[in-house]
Amino acid sequence: MVNIEQLLLKPSAYPHHVDEVVHVETHISHIFLAGEYAYKVKKPLNLGFLDFSTLEARRHFCTEEVRLNSRLTSDIYIDVVSIVSNDDRVFITDKQTDKHTNVVEYAVRMHRFDHEMELDKLLENHSKHWKDEWLDELCITVAKFHLDSARAKINSGHGEVDVIFSFALENFVQIKQHLHNHQHIIKTSEQLQEWTALQKKRLSDEIGSRLKNGFIRECHGDMHLANMVYWQSKVQIFDGIEFSDELRWIDVISEVAFLVMDLESRE
């Protein structure tokens, strides 16, 4: 079995000059920083809320990642490339191709940027590079993005009352499994669960009208400061959700609220 992660640490695996390869691992991806590029390989996982368990699924979601994130970045996301095995080595082709019968993996190719210029780090470090006017620019960018994003169809299942509250109520099921004997937390959780159920009754008509009036759209899905970077003289939003329609097709006000909560937590 080919150990792709180890073999991609070799500079010779890349179709361009590389002095050193830096490996960054997340819970769902391996990222290889090689020269001026970054290559993101999805782990073969099925976590329920995402399924990368087959090679075809990983190819599909790599393609989706480039498509979706290209809406909010100028050219961070470049393309999808094939990783090909040849004896005891692997190498990355310049373009995604199916003519090789020994394609063992796919990767998203991105331009590499300075992670210290991500907005969460700039704020946390009280960086001199931070500019308050970026927030005004960000508001315009997000508003235009939402205006241009595809609208959910009425019968799509996205943005419907039962769907929204099924996710909200499922949180309590998952949380309860970890509370054990913490009675005061259990009581608070039960009170919040009751409150959430009441909100479903109170807000059902309003949520239904939001869907009917076109506010459920194909959003970014994970819009917070750690997924924003100042690059090429402007703030760019990256790393949107490609693996879950349910987390991406949401009310635009939910996306804005998520970002506002992140900003308010940093006051």
Protein backbone atom coordinates (compact mmCIF):
# COMPACT_ATOMS: atom_id res chain seq x y z
CA MET A 1 0.00 0.00 0.00
CA VAL A 2 1.41 3.40 -1.01
CA ASN A 3 2.15 5.74 1.89
CA ILE A 4 1.13 8.91 0.10
CA GLU A 5 1.73 11.23 3.05
CA GLN A 6 5.35 10.15 3.42
CA LEU A 7 6.10 10.18 -0.30
CA LEU A 8 4.66 13.68 -0.76
CA LEU A 9 7.24 14.98 1.70
CA LYS A 10 9.85 14.47 -1.02
CA PRO A 11 10.50 17.55 -3.22
CA SER A 12 10.82 15.25 -6.25
CA ALA A 13 7.08 14.50 -6.06
CA TYR A 14 6.18 17.95 -7.38
CA PRO A 15 6.10 19.28 -10.97
CA HIS A 16 8.02 22.43 -10.02
CA HIS A 17 11.09 23.38 -8.00
CA VAL A 18 10.73 22.70 -4.28
CA ASP A 19 13.43 23.11 -1.63
CA GLU A 20 11.43 21.86 1.33
CA VAL A 21 7.97 20.40 1.92
CA VAL A 22 6.03 21.32 5.06
CA HIS A 23 3.24 18.97 6.15
CA VAL A 24 0.20 20.37 7.98
CA GLU A 25 -2.49 17.96 9.19
CA THR A 26 -6.10 18.78 10.05
CA HIS A 27 -8.82 16.39 11.20
CA ILE A 28 -9.98 15.83 7.61
CA SER A 29 -7.02 16.77 5.38
CA HIS A 30 -3.29 16.63 4.76
CA ILE A 31 -1.83 19.87 3.42
CA PHE A 32 1.61 19.97 1.81
CA LEU A 33 3.27 23.36 1.50
CA ALA A 34 5.66 23.07 -1.42
CA GLY A 35 7.33 26.16 -2.81
CA GLU A 36 4.76 28.74 -3.85
CA TYR A 37 1.92 26.21 -3.78
CA ALA A 38 -0.13 24.29 -1.24
CA TYR A 39 -1.62 20.87 -2.01
CA LYS A 40 -4.63 19.73 0.01
CA VAL A 41 -5.34 16.00 0.14
CA LYS A 42 -8.57 14.76 1.71
CA LYS A 43 -8.35 11.89 4.20
CA PRO A 44 -10.31 8.72 3.30
CA LEU A 45 -12.86 9.21 6.07
CA ASN A 46 -16.58 8.77 6.62
CA LEU A 47 -17.62 10.85 9.62
CA GLY A 48 -21.32 10.89 8.91
CA PHE A 49 -21.48 14.60 8.16
CA LEU A 50 -18.89 14.04 5.42
CA ASP A 51 -17.93 11.03 3.34
CA PHE A 52 -14.49 10.98 1.69
CA SER A 53 -14.24 7.19 1.88
CA THR A 54 -13.77 6.51 -1.86
CA LEU A 55 -11.30 7.90 -4.37
CA GLU A 56 -14.15 9.07 -6.60
CA ALA A 57 -15.74 10.92 -3.67
CA ARG A 58 -12.46 12.67 -2.91
CA ARG A 59 -12.07 13.66 -6.57
CA HIS A 60 -15.62 15.02 -6.59
CA PHE A 61 -15.20 17.04 -3.42
CA CYS A 62 -11.82 18.40 -4.55
CA THR A 63 -13.57 19.71 -7.67
CA GLU A 64 -16.38 21.14 -5.56
CA GLU A 65 -13.91 22.83 -3.23
CA VAL A 66 -12.29 24.68 -6.12
CA ARG A 67 -15.65 25.64 -7.66
CA LEU A 68 -17.19 26.91 -4.45
CA ASN A 69 -14.20 28.75 -3.06
CA SER A 70 -13.40 30.44 -6.35
CA ARG A 71 -16.52 32.54 -5.74
CA LEU A 72 -14.83 34.44 -2.91
CA THR A 73 -11.13 34.39 -3.78
CA SER A 74 -9.34 35.86 -6.76
CA ASP A 75 -6.89 33.02 -7.37
CA ILE A 76 -6.04 31.20 -4.15
CA TYR A 77 -7.68 28.07 -5.55
CA ILE A 78 -6.08 26.95 -8.81
CA ASP A 79 -7.24 23.48 -9.84
CA VAL A 80 -7.45 19.79 -8.99
CA VAL A 81 -4.39 17.64 -9.69
CA SER A 82 -3.84 13.89 -9.83
CA ILE A 83 -1.37 12.06 -7.63
CA VAL A 84 0.08 9.14 -9.58
CA SER A 85 1.95 6.11 -8.24
CA ASN A 86 4.94 4.70 -10.09
CA ASP A 87 6.73 1.82 -8.39
CA ASP A 88 7.87 3.14 -5.00
CA ARG A 89 7.23 6.82 -5.61
CA VAL A 90 4.34 9.16 -6.24
CA PHE A 91 4.28 12.34 -8.25
CA ILE A 92 1.79 15.11 -8.92
CA THR A 93 0.71 15.75 -12.48
CA ASP A 94 0.26 19.29 -13.73
CA LYS A 95 -3.43 18.74 -14.32
CA GLN A 96 -6.18 16.39 -13.20
CA THR A 97 -6.25 13.51 -15.66
CA ASP A 98 -7.84 10.11 -15.94
CA LYS A 99 -5.52 8.75 -18.63
CA HIS A 100 -3.24 7.38 -15.92
CA THR A 101 -4.53 4.04 -14.65
CA ASN A 102 -2.48 4.38 -11.49
CA VAL A 103 -3.98 7.55 -10.05
CA VAL A 104 -3.96 6.94 -6.30
CA GLU A 105 -5.24 10.28 -5.02
CA TYR A 106 -6.36 13.79 -5.91
CA ALA A 107 -5.42 17.13 -4.41
CA VAL A 108 -6.59 20.72 -4.52
CA ARG A 109 -3.76 22.95 -5.70
CA MET A 110 -3.70 26.41 -4.15
CA HIS A 111 -1.42 29.41 -4.09
CA ARG A 112 0.44 29.53 -0.80
CA PHE A 113 -0.09 32.57 1.42
CA ASP A 114 1.30 33.85 4.71
CA HIS A 115 -0.83 32.36 7.49
CA GLU A 116 0.21 35.18 9.80
CA MET A 117 -1.95 37.42 7.61
CA GLU A 118 -5.13 35.51 8.47
CA LEU A 119 -7.52 37.92 10.15
CA ASP A 120 -7.91 36.00 13.41
CA LYS A 121 -4.14 35.99 13.92
CA LEU A 122 -3.82 39.68 13.05
CA LEU A 123 -6.43 40.57 15.67
CA GLU A 124 -5.06 38.24 18.33
CA ASN A 125 -1.54 39.57 17.84
CA HIS A 126 -2.68 43.22 17.76
CA SER A 127 -0.82 43.43 14.48
CA LYS A 128 0.13 46.77 12.99
CA HIS A 129 -1.06 45.36 9.66
CA TRP A 130 -4.69 45.30 10.81
CA LYS A 131 -6.92 47.99 9.31
CA ASP A 132 -10.44 48.73 10.55
CA GLU A 133 -11.56 49.67 7.05
CA TRP A 134 -11.23 46.01 6.10
CA LEU A 135 -14.50 45.42 7.94
CA ASP A 136 -16.30 47.86 5.65
CA GLU A 137 -14.80 46.10 2.63
CA LEU A 138 -15.78 42.75 4.13
CA CYS A 139 -19.40 43.85 4.52
CA ILE A 140 -19.55 44.82 0.85
CA THR A 141 -17.88 41.56 -0.23
CA VAL A 142 -20.25 39.36 1.79
CA ALA A 143 -23.35 41.30 0.72
CA LYS A 144 -22.43 41.01 -2.97
CA PHE A 145 -21.55 37.34 -2.54
CA HIS A 146 -24.94 36.57 -1.00
CA LEU A 147 -26.73 38.62 -3.64
CA ASP A 148 -25.05 36.64 -6.42
CA SER A 149 -25.32 33.19 -4.79
CA ALA A 150 -27.74 30.58 -6.10
CA ARG A 151 -31.16 30.47 -4.42
CA ALA A 152 -32.56 27.26 -2.95
CA LYS A 153 -35.64 25.92 -4.70
CA ILE A 154 -38.80 25.64 -2.61
CA ASN A 155 -38.86 21.83 -2.84
CA SER A 156 -35.10 21.34 -2.33
CA GLY A 157 -35.36 20.58 1.39
CA HIS A 158 -32.87 23.33 2.22
CA GLY A 159 -33.98 25.97 4.72
CA GLU A 160 -37.16 24.19 5.72
CA VAL A 161 -38.32 24.48 9.33
CA ASP A 162 -38.10 20.78 10.16
CA VAL A 163 -34.61 20.51 8.64
CA ILE A 164 -33.25 23.51 10.54
CA PHE A 165 -34.61 22.42 13.90
CA SER A 166 -33.63 18.79 13.44
CA PHE A 167 -30.01 19.96 13.44
CA ALA A 168 -30.59 22.24 16.41
CA LEU A 169 -32.28 19.53 18.48
CA GLU A 170 -29.70 16.90 17.48
CA ASN A 171 -27.10 19.04 19.26
CA PHE A 172 -28.73 18.22 22.58
CA VAL A 173 -28.71 14.49 21.85
CA GLN A 174 -24.98 14.62 21.13
CA ILE A 175 -24.20 16.84 24.12
CA LYS A 176 -26.14 14.66 26.57
CA GLN A 177 -23.89 11.70 25.80
CA HIS A 178 -20.96 13.58 27.34
CA LEU A 179 -22.59 15.15 30.39
CA HIS A 180 -22.79 12.02 32.56
CA ASN A 181 -23.26 13.12 36.20
CA HIS A 182 -23.02 16.88 35.67
CA GLN A 183 -26.58 17.47 36.86
CA HIS A 184 -26.48 21.26 36.74
CA ILE A 185 -25.33 21.19 33.12
CA ILE A 186 -27.91 18.53 32.26
CA LYS A 187 -30.65 20.75 33.69
CA THR A 188 -29.43 23.75 31.71
CA SER A 189 -29.27 21.63 28.56
CA GLU A 190 -32.84 20.42 29.08
CA GLN A 191 -34.05 23.99 29.57
CA LEU A 192 -32.32 25.07 26.36
CA GLN A 193 -33.82 22.12 24.52
CA GLU A 194 -37.32 23.12 25.65
CA TRP A 195 -36.64 26.72 24.64
CA THR A 196 -35.44 25.57 21.20
CA ALA A 197 -38.63 23.55 20.69
CA LEU A 198 -40.70 26.62 21.58
CA GLN A 199 -38.75 28.71 19.07
CA LYS A 200 -39.68 26.24 16.35
CA LYS A 201 -43.36 26.96 16.98
CA ARG A 202 -42.79 30.70 17.28
CA LEU A 203 -40.60 31.10 14.19
CA SER A 204 -42.04 28.53 11.78
CA ASP A 205 -43.94 31.06 9.67
CA GLU A 206 -41.00 33.48 9.58
CA ILE A 207 -38.56 30.75 8.53
CA GLY A 208 -40.99 29.57 5.86
CA SER A 209 -41.21 33.08 4.45
CA ARG A 210 -37.41 33.35 4.37
CA LEU A 211 -37.27 30.32 2.10
CA LYS A 212 -40.15 31.54 -0.05
CA ASN A 213 -38.55 34.97 -0.48
CA GLY A 214 -35.17 33.63 -1.60
CA PHE A 215 -32.98 34.09 1.47
CA ILE A 216 -31.81 30.45 1.53
CA ARG A 217 -28.76 30.39 -0.71
CA GLU A 218 -25.59 28.47 -1.50
CA CYS A 219 -23.43 30.20 1.09
CA HIS A 220 -19.85 29.76 2.28
CA GLY A 221 -20.92 27.73 5.31
CA ASP A 222 -17.99 28.43 7.65
CA MET A 223 -17.45 32.17 7.49
CA HIS A 224 -15.27 33.31 10.39
CA LEU A 225 -12.01 35.23 10.76
CA ALA A 226 -9.74 32.16 10.69
CA ASN A 227 -11.00 31.54 7.14
CA MET A 228 -10.09 35.02 5.94
CA VAL A 229 -6.71 36.31 4.85
CA TYR A 230 -5.29 39.61 3.65
CA TRP A 231 -3.63 38.58 0.40
CA GLN A 232 -2.94 40.39 -2.85
CA SER A 233 -3.99 43.72 -1.33
CA LYS A 234 -7.45 42.63 -0.20
CA VAL A 235 -9.31 40.45 2.29
CA GLN A 236 -10.14 37.06 0.79
CA ILE A 237 -12.48 34.44 2.27
CA PHE A 238 -11.43 30.81 1.82
CA ASP A 239 -12.09 27.25 3.08
CA GLY A 240 -15.84 27.18 2.54
CA ILE A 241 -17.74 23.94 3.11
CA GLU A 242 -17.83 21.64 0.10
CA PHE A 243 -18.70 18.36 1.85
CA SER A 244 -22.21 19.14 3.13
CA ASP A 245 -25.12 20.69 1.26
CA GLU A 246 -26.99 21.07 4.55
CA LEU A 247 -24.25 23.21 6.09
CA ARG A 248 -23.79 25.32 2.96
CA TRP A 249 -27.36 25.92 1.74
CA ILE A 250 -28.47 28.17 4.59
CA ASP A 251 -30.17 31.48 5.30
CA VAL A 252 -27.83 34.35 4.50
CA ILE A 253 -28.64 35.91 7.88
CA SER A 254 -27.31 32.77 9.60
CA GLU A 255 -24.01 33.18 7.78
CA VAL A 256 -23.80 36.84 8.79
CA ALA A 257 -24.74 36.01 12.39
CA PHE A 258 -21.94 33.43 12.61
CA LEU A 259 -19.38 36.02 11.52
CA VAL A 260 -20.81 38.67 13.86
CA MET A 261 -20.57 36.28 16.82
CA ASP A 262 -16.91 35.66 16.00
CA LEU A 263 -16.22 39.40 15.82
CA GLU A 264 -18.10 40.14 19.06
CA SER A 265 -16.21 37.40 20.91
CA ARG A 266 -12.97 39.26 20.15
CA GLU A 267 -14.01 42.64 21.54
